[in-house]
Amino acid sequence: MSDSVSINLRRRDYERVSVLCSEMLTDYEDSINDASIISKLYLADLKQDTGSSRMSELKSFLESYILNNPEKEMMVRQAFYFIQQCKVSLGLYESAMTGFQQIINQFPYSYEGLLGSWDYAATSLLNSQGGSGGGAIASSKYDYELREKGVISYIDDPSDVYDSRKFSTDDRKTLNENLTKTFSSQVNKQTREIKSLEEKVTKNEASNSEKKKYQEMRTLKEVVKVRKPENVSVHVSMISDDLSRIMKSTDNEVSDKYEANILPTEFALHQNYPNPFNPATKISFDLPQDSRVSLIVYDLLGREVTRLVNSEFKVAGKHSYDFNAASLSSGVYFYRFETKRFTNTKRMMSIK
């Protein structure tokens, strides 16, 4: 069925994708451990949502999943994240911000927390522009309590909106208990990991990979926090600065675990990093669907330098390739990204 989901995503048959993903999460819940199914279900429903009804139904569906599958921690975490995205689509900005802050506080050393931090900032921008909010006064008090307590448990969000026809008071209590169990498990796991790495580094017993992991987690702890940018430009700059700090702290090797289960919603070619570079840089692009891709580097005169991807079939997701100009002269180069539905070119600078 996973192959059928990918095929129908490629065809943009979002109704079929919704049906397949829902069946997998309902009828095969005991055997399904692929968290990307949830992100694909969200994308498919978002593409079909015209009056917020689908987002409301998806929110309830994911809440039911958490209620009935407490042992599937990875799936529960993914479901909780996309519940917050549903809230954003429904205009429940305050409640979504509370959820993203929960993620920030429970995953301070990971890319899940970083993604939650970025989403919190983006949602705060939407909230400042107006919207239903879902109870700003109650949520502000709740946010304060979260910061004070460090959030070891998940308590009922006063600004959330539940479907009373589907969830009783006891259901909500059980749902919150399931979330608390999942979050507590992750907090304990991360705490043990950072302490173990710190001990090895202090005793000079850490391998190179362990040293990098330790530095990466420390840097993430510094950038994973609640922020409310004044405008979109500040938000974009904030994300760029975060990535720059992490890449520098790990010798430009950025883990992409935080985005492994997040399917891009549109084609995109990103600016290479670092830029300018000497002698190597990374070029990344996003595919919202499986596609045949070419990624070609040209010199200033338009002559082909190398083909990083030569008309190859790539699955939907985020992709990154290294370009090394050690044998080339300094100067301006261009890289061109081509698919059947999207083409883009960007400039980069090699210095020596």
Protein backbone atom coordinates (compact mmCIF):
# COMPACT_ATOMS: atom_id res chain seq x y z
CA MET A 1 0.00 0.00 0.00
CA SER A 2 2.94 2.33 0.60
CA ASP A 3 3.84 2.05 -3.08
CA SER A 4 0.25 2.90 -4.02
CA VAL A 5 0.42 6.00 -1.83
CA SER A 6 3.60 7.17 -3.59
CA ILE A 7 2.15 6.46 -7.04
CA ASN A 8 -1.04 8.39 -6.32
CA LEU A 9 0.91 11.27 -4.81
CA ARG A 10 2.86 11.44 -8.05
CA ARG A 11 -0.44 11.49 -9.94
CA ARG A 12 -1.77 14.15 -7.55
CA ASP A 13 -4.75 11.94 -6.81
CA TYR A 14 -5.05 13.35 -3.30
CA GLU A 15 -8.44 11.80 -2.60
CA ARG A 16 -7.01 8.33 -3.19
CA VAL A 17 -3.96 9.16 -1.07
CA SER A 18 -6.25 10.20 1.80
CA VAL A 19 -8.21 6.95 1.57
CA LEU A 20 -5.09 4.76 1.45
CA CYS A 21 -3.32 6.54 4.31
CA SER A 22 -6.44 6.46 6.48
CA GLU A 23 -6.86 2.74 5.81
CA MET A 24 -3.23 2.05 6.70
CA LEU A 25 -3.50 3.94 9.98
CA THR A 26 -6.87 2.39 10.86
CA ASP A 27 -6.93 -1.17 9.50
CA TYR A 28 -3.21 -1.91 9.71
CA GLU A 29 -2.29 0.15 12.76
CA ASP A 30 -0.53 -2.78 14.44
CA SER A 31 1.94 -3.25 11.58
CA ILE A 32 2.38 0.33 10.33
CA ASN A 33 5.36 2.18 11.80
CA ASP A 34 6.09 4.53 8.91
CA ALA A 35 5.53 8.02 10.32
CA SER A 36 5.69 9.53 6.83
CA ILE A 37 2.19 8.12 6.21
CA ILE A 38 0.86 10.80 8.56
CA SER A 39 2.64 13.61 6.73
CA LYS A 40 1.33 12.32 3.40
CA LEU A 41 -2.19 12.14 4.79
CA TYR A 42 -1.89 15.73 6.00
CA LEU A 43 -0.62 16.91 2.60
CA ALA A 44 -3.42 15.12 0.75
CA ASP A 45 -6.14 16.53 3.01
CA LEU A 46 -4.63 20.01 2.92
CA LYS A 47 -4.71 19.97 -0.89
CA GLN A 48 -8.41 19.10 -0.82
CA ASP A 49 -9.47 21.37 2.03
CA THR A 50 -11.73 24.19 0.87
CA GLY A 51 -13.79 25.03 3.95
CA SER A 52 -11.66 23.76 6.84
CA SER A 53 -13.82 20.63 7.20
CA ARG A 54 -11.02 18.28 6.17
CA MET A 55 -8.54 19.83 8.59
CA SER A 56 -11.07 19.55 11.40
CA GLU A 57 -11.75 15.91 10.56
CA LEU A 58 -8.03 15.14 10.26
CA LYS A 59 -7.35 16.74 13.63
CA SER A 60 -9.96 14.48 15.25
CA PHE A 61 -8.63 11.46 13.34
CA LEU A 62 -5.08 12.02 14.59
CA GLU A 63 -6.30 12.62 18.13
CA SER A 64 -8.13 9.29 17.95
CA TYR A 65 -4.95 7.66 16.71
CA ILE A 66 -3.02 8.94 19.74
CA LEU A 67 -5.85 7.81 22.00
CA ASN A 68 -5.78 4.25 20.64
CA ASN A 69 -2.05 3.74 19.99
CA PRO A 70 -0.11 4.96 23.04
CA GLU A 71 2.70 2.44 22.52
CA LYS A 72 3.69 3.81 19.09
CA GLU A 73 5.84 6.70 20.30
CA MET A 74 7.23 7.78 16.93
CA MET A 75 3.78 7.75 15.33
CA VAL A 76 2.28 9.60 18.31
CA ARG A 77 4.93 12.32 18.04
CA GLN A 78 4.26 12.73 14.32
CA ALA A 79 0.50 12.78 14.87
CA PHE A 80 0.85 15.43 17.58
CA TYR A 81 2.98 17.62 15.29
CA PHE A 82 0.44 17.50 12.47
CA ILE A 83 -2.41 18.16 14.88
CA GLN A 84 -0.72 21.52 15.48
CA GLN A 85 -0.51 22.08 11.71
CA CYS A 86 -4.24 21.35 11.49
CA LYS A 87 -4.86 23.95 14.18
CA VAL A 88 -2.91 26.52 12.15
CA SER A 89 -5.09 25.78 9.11
CA LEU A 90 -8.17 26.16 11.31
CA GLY A 91 -6.98 29.51 12.65
CA LEU A 92 -6.43 28.17 16.18
CA TYR A 93 -3.11 29.97 16.40
CA GLU A 94 -2.81 30.27 20.18
CA SER A 95 -3.53 26.58 20.66
CA ALA A 96 -1.08 25.63 17.89
CA MET A 97 1.61 27.81 19.50
CA THR A 98 1.00 26.00 22.78
CA GLY A 99 1.47 22.68 20.98
CA PHE A 100 4.64 23.81 19.24
CA GLN A 101 6.00 25.07 22.56
CA GLN A 102 5.31 21.63 24.00
CA ILE A 103 7.47 20.16 21.22
CA ILE A 104 10.19 22.75 21.86
CA ASN A 105 10.34 21.93 25.54
CA GLN A 106 10.23 18.16 25.11
CA PHE A 107 12.86 17.99 22.35
CA PRO A 108 15.48 20.62 23.27
CA TYR A 109 18.39 18.64 21.84
CA SER A 110 16.85 17.49 18.56
CA TYR A 111 15.67 18.69 15.17
CA GLU A 112 12.08 18.01 16.20
CA GLY A 113 12.47 20.80 18.73
CA LEU A 114 14.09 23.04 16.12
CA LEU A 115 11.21 22.47 13.71
CA GLY A 116 8.78 23.22 16.54
CA SER A 117 10.67 26.45 17.24
CA TRP A 118 10.40 27.58 13.62
CA ASP A 119 6.71 26.64 13.46
CA TYR A 120 6.02 28.49 16.70
CA ALA A 121 7.63 31.61 15.23
CA ALA A 122 5.69 31.31 11.95
CA THR A 123 2.40 30.79 13.78
CA SER A 124 3.06 33.79 16.02
CA LEU A 125 3.30 35.89 12.84
CA LEU A 126 -0.10 34.60 11.70
CA ASN A 127 -1.52 35.24 15.16
CA SER A 128 -0.26 38.83 15.17
CA GLN A 129 -2.09 39.42 11.89
CA GLY A 130 -5.39 38.37 13.42
CA GLY A 131 -7.38 35.16 13.59
CA SER A 132 -9.58 33.20 15.92
CA GLY A 133 -6.70 32.61 18.30
CA GLY A 134 -8.76 30.19 20.31
CA GLY A 135 -8.42 31.99 23.62
CA ALA A 136 -5.43 34.27 23.95
CA ILE A 137 -5.78 35.04 27.67
CA ALA A 138 -6.08 31.42 28.75
CA SER A 139 -3.30 30.30 26.45
CA SER A 140 -0.92 33.04 27.59
CA LYS A 141 -1.30 31.83 31.18
CA TYR A 142 -0.78 28.28 29.97
CA ASP A 143 2.39 29.25 28.07
CA TYR A 144 3.76 30.85 31.22
CA GLU A 145 3.09 27.68 33.19
CA LEU A 146 4.86 25.63 30.54
CA ARG A 147 7.97 27.78 30.75
CA GLU A 148 8.00 27.73 34.54
CA LYS A 149 7.59 23.99 34.87
CA GLY A 150 9.79 22.91 31.99
CA VAL A 151 6.88 20.77 30.84
CA ILE A 152 7.51 17.22 31.94
CA SER A 153 3.84 16.34 31.54
CA TYR A 154 1.19 17.26 29.02
CA ILE A 155 -1.92 18.87 30.49
CA ASP A 156 -5.14 19.81 28.74
CA ASP A 157 -4.75 22.90 26.57
CA PRO A 158 -7.49 25.40 27.54
CA SER A 159 -7.50 26.99 24.09
CA ASP A 160 -7.85 23.73 22.15
CA VAL A 161 -11.11 22.79 20.46
CA TYR A 162 -12.25 19.16 20.61
CA ASP A 163 -15.20 17.51 18.87
CA SER A 164 -17.41 16.71 21.86
CA ARG A 165 -19.28 14.17 19.73
CA LYS A 166 -16.10 12.08 19.42
CA PHE A 167 -14.20 12.77 22.64
CA SER A 168 -15.55 12.53 26.15
CA THR A 169 -13.82 14.11 29.15
CA ASP A 170 -12.29 10.71 29.97
CA ASP A 171 -11.06 10.37 26.38
CA ARG A 172 -9.28 13.69 26.61
CA LYS A 173 -7.73 12.66 29.91
CA THR A 174 -6.46 9.41 28.37
CA LEU A 175 -5.16 11.25 25.31
CA ASN A 176 -3.21 13.64 27.52
CA GLU A 177 -1.83 10.73 29.55
CA ASN A 178 -0.64 9.05 26.35
CA LEU A 179 1.11 12.23 25.26
CA THR A 180 2.71 12.63 28.68
CA LYS A 181 4.08 9.09 28.47
CA THR A 182 5.53 9.68 25.01
CA PHE A 183 7.03 13.06 25.89
CA SER A 184 8.50 11.85 29.18
CA SER A 185 10.13 8.91 27.43
CA GLN A 186 11.77 11.23 24.90
CA VAL A 187 12.94 13.73 27.53
CA ASN A 188 14.56 10.94 29.53
CA LYS A 189 16.16 9.45 26.43
CA GLN A 190 17.66 12.78 25.32
CA THR A 191 18.87 13.58 28.83
CA ARG A 192 20.63 10.23 29.12
CA GLU A 193 22.21 10.65 25.69
CA ILE A 194 23.61 14.14 26.31
CA LYS A 195 24.95 13.14 29.73
CA SER A 196 26.61 10.04 28.29
CA LEU A 197 28.22 12.03 25.48
CA GLU A 198 29.35 14.76 27.87
CA GLU A 199 31.00 12.19 30.11
CA LYS A 200 32.86 10.61 27.18
CA VAL A 201 34.00 13.99 25.86
CA THR A 202 35.16 15.10 29.31
CA LYS A 203 37.16 11.89 29.75
CA ASN A 204 38.52 12.18 26.20
CA GLU A 205 36.96 8.83 25.34
CA ALA A 206 34.57 10.04 22.65
CA SER A 207 34.93 9.07 19.00
CA ASN A 208 34.84 11.76 16.31
CA SER A 209 31.20 10.98 15.55
CA GLU A 210 30.31 11.20 19.25
CA LYS A 211 32.11 14.54 19.56
CA LYS A 212 30.16 15.88 16.59
CA LYS A 213 26.90 14.57 18.00
CA TYR A 214 27.63 16.17 21.36
CA GLN A 215 28.41 19.53 19.76
CA GLU A 216 25.34 19.26 17.55
CA MET A 217 23.06 18.62 20.54
CA ARG A 218 24.60 21.50 22.50
CA THR A 219 24.09 23.87 19.59
CA LEU A 220 20.52 22.70 19.11
CA LYS A 221 19.84 23.39 22.78
CA GLU A 222 20.95 26.98 22.19
CA VAL A 223 18.67 27.61 19.19
CA VAL A 224 15.63 25.53 20.15
CA LYS A 225 13.57 28.15 21.96
CA VAL A 226 10.42 30.24 21.75
CA ARG A 227 10.79 33.24 19.45
CA LYS A 228 8.31 35.76 18.06
CA PRO A 229 9.79 37.48 14.98
CA GLU A 230 8.44 40.88 14.01
CA ASN A 231 7.97 40.01 10.35
CA VAL A 232 8.58 37.33 7.71
CA SER A 233 12.00 38.70 6.84
CA VAL A 234 13.17 38.36 10.44
CA HIS A 235 11.74 34.83 10.55
CA VAL A 236 13.62 33.76 7.41
CA SER A 237 16.81 35.32 8.75
CA MET A 238 16.31 33.48 12.04
CA ILE A 239 16.07 30.12 10.28
CA SER A 240 19.15 30.88 8.19
CA ASP A 241 21.12 31.84 11.30
CA ASP A 242 20.04 28.68 13.11
CA LEU A 243 21.17 26.47 10.23
CA SER A 244 24.44 28.36 9.92
CA ARG A 245 25.24 27.86 13.60
CA ILE A 246 24.45 24.16 13.47
CA MET A 247 26.41 23.58 10.27
CA LYS A 248 29.44 25.39 11.63
CA SER A 249 29.31 23.42 14.87
CA THR A 250 29.32 20.08 13.04
CA ASP A 251 31.74 20.79 10.19
CA ASN A 252 28.87 21.54 7.82
CA GLU A 253 27.33 18.13 8.36
CA VAL A 254 23.71 18.83 9.18
CA SER A 255 21.52 15.93 10.17
CA ASP A 256 18.20 15.96 8.36
CA LYS A 257 16.33 13.75 10.82
CA TYR A 258 14.03 16.64 11.62
CA GLU A 259 12.72 16.64 8.06
CA ALA A 260 12.83 12.94 7.28
CA ASN A 261 9.09 12.58 7.70
CA ILE A 262 8.05 15.97 6.38
CA LEU A 263 7.06 15.79 2.72
CA PRO A 264 7.68 19.08 0.85
CA THR A 265 4.57 20.79 -0.47
CA GLU A 266 6.23 22.34 -3.53
CA PHE A 267 9.28 22.09 -5.77
CA ALA A 268 12.20 24.19 -4.55
CA LEU A 269 15.86 24.73 -5.32
CA HIS A 270 17.76 26.13 -2.35
CA GLN A 271 20.77 28.41 -2.23
CA ASN A 272 23.94 26.40 -1.82
CA TYR A 273 25.69 26.46 1.55
CA PRO A 274 28.23 27.71 2.27
CA ASN A 275 28.35 30.46 -0.32
CA PRO A 276 30.95 31.67 -1.20
CA PHE A 277 32.70 28.33 -0.72
CA ASN A 278 36.18 26.78 -0.79
CA PRO A 279 36.38 24.16 -2.12
CA ALA A 280 33.07 22.34 -1.48
CA THR A 281 29.43 23.26 -0.97
CA LYS A 282 26.04 21.58 -0.63
CA ILE A 283 23.17 22.01 -3.11
CA SER A 284 19.70 20.99 -1.97
CA PHE A 285 16.28 20.71 -3.57
CA ASP A 286 12.75 19.65 -2.57
CA LEU A 287 10.45 17.28 -4.42
CA PRO A 288 6.75 17.18 -3.44
CA GLN A 289 6.36 14.08 -5.61
CA ASP A 290 8.54 11.41 -7.19
CA SER A 291 10.25 12.97 -10.21
CA ARG A 292 12.95 12.54 -12.81
CA VAL A 293 15.62 15.09 -11.93
CA SER A 294 18.67 16.74 -13.46
CA LEU A 295 21.05 18.92 -11.46
CA ILE A 296 23.77 20.47 -13.62
CA VAL A 297 26.57 22.92 -12.83
CA TYR A 298 27.71 25.45 -15.46
CA ASP A 299 30.52 27.99 -15.57
CA LEU A 300 30.05 31.70 -16.24
CA LEU A 301 30.15 31.12 -20.01
CA GLY A 302 27.39 28.55 -19.87
CA ARG A 303 29.64 25.54 -20.36
CA GLU A 304 28.65 22.39 -18.50
CA VAL A 305 31.01 21.61 -15.62
CA THR A 306 29.40 18.53 -14.09
CA ARG A 307 26.13 16.69 -13.69
CA LEU A 308 25.40 16.05 -10.05
CA VAL A 309 22.16 14.31 -11.01
CA ASN A 310 21.78 13.03 -14.56
CA SER A 311 18.08 12.65 -15.39
CA GLU A 312 17.62 10.25 -12.49
CA PHE A 313 14.38 9.18 -10.83
CA LYS A 314 14.16 10.53 -7.26
CA VAL A 315 11.49 9.92 -4.63
CA ALA A 316 9.54 12.76 -3.04
CA GLY A 317 11.42 14.46 -0.22
CA LYS A 318 14.43 16.65 0.45
CA HIS A 319 17.69 15.90 -1.35
CA SER A 320 21.21 17.28 -0.96
CA TYR A 321 24.35 16.86 -3.08
CA ASP A 322 27.96 17.93 -2.64
CA PHE A 323 29.78 19.98 -5.26
CA ASN A 324 33.57 20.14 -5.03
CA ALA A 325 35.39 22.82 -7.02
CA ALA A 326 38.91 21.89 -5.88
CA SER A 327 40.03 21.28 -9.46
CA LEU A 328 38.26 24.36 -10.84
CA SER A 329 39.21 28.01 -10.90
CA SER A 330 37.68 30.66 -8.65
CA GLY A 331 34.67 32.49 -9.98
CA VAL A 332 30.93 32.41 -10.52
CA TYR A 333 29.14 29.16 -11.30
CA PHE A 334 25.50 28.36 -11.91
CA TYR A 335 23.52 25.28 -10.96
CA ARG A 336 20.33 24.34 -12.76
CA PHE A 337 17.60 22.10 -11.35
CA GLU A 338 15.19 20.53 -13.84
CA THR A 339 12.10 18.34 -13.54
CA LYS A 340 9.12 17.90 -15.83
CA ARG A 341 7.11 20.42 -13.78
CA PHE A 342 9.76 22.77 -12.41
CA THR A 343 13.02 24.42 -13.46
CA ASN A 344 15.21 26.87 -11.57
CA THR A 345 18.77 28.20 -11.68
CA LYS A 346 20.89 29.78 -8.95
CA ARG A 347 24.32 31.35 -8.77
CA MET A 348 27.21 30.44 -6.46
CA MET A 349 30.75 31.72 -5.92
CA SER A 350 33.93 29.67 -5.58
CA ILE A 351 36.88 31.40 -3.88
CA LYS A 352 40.43 30.19 -3.29
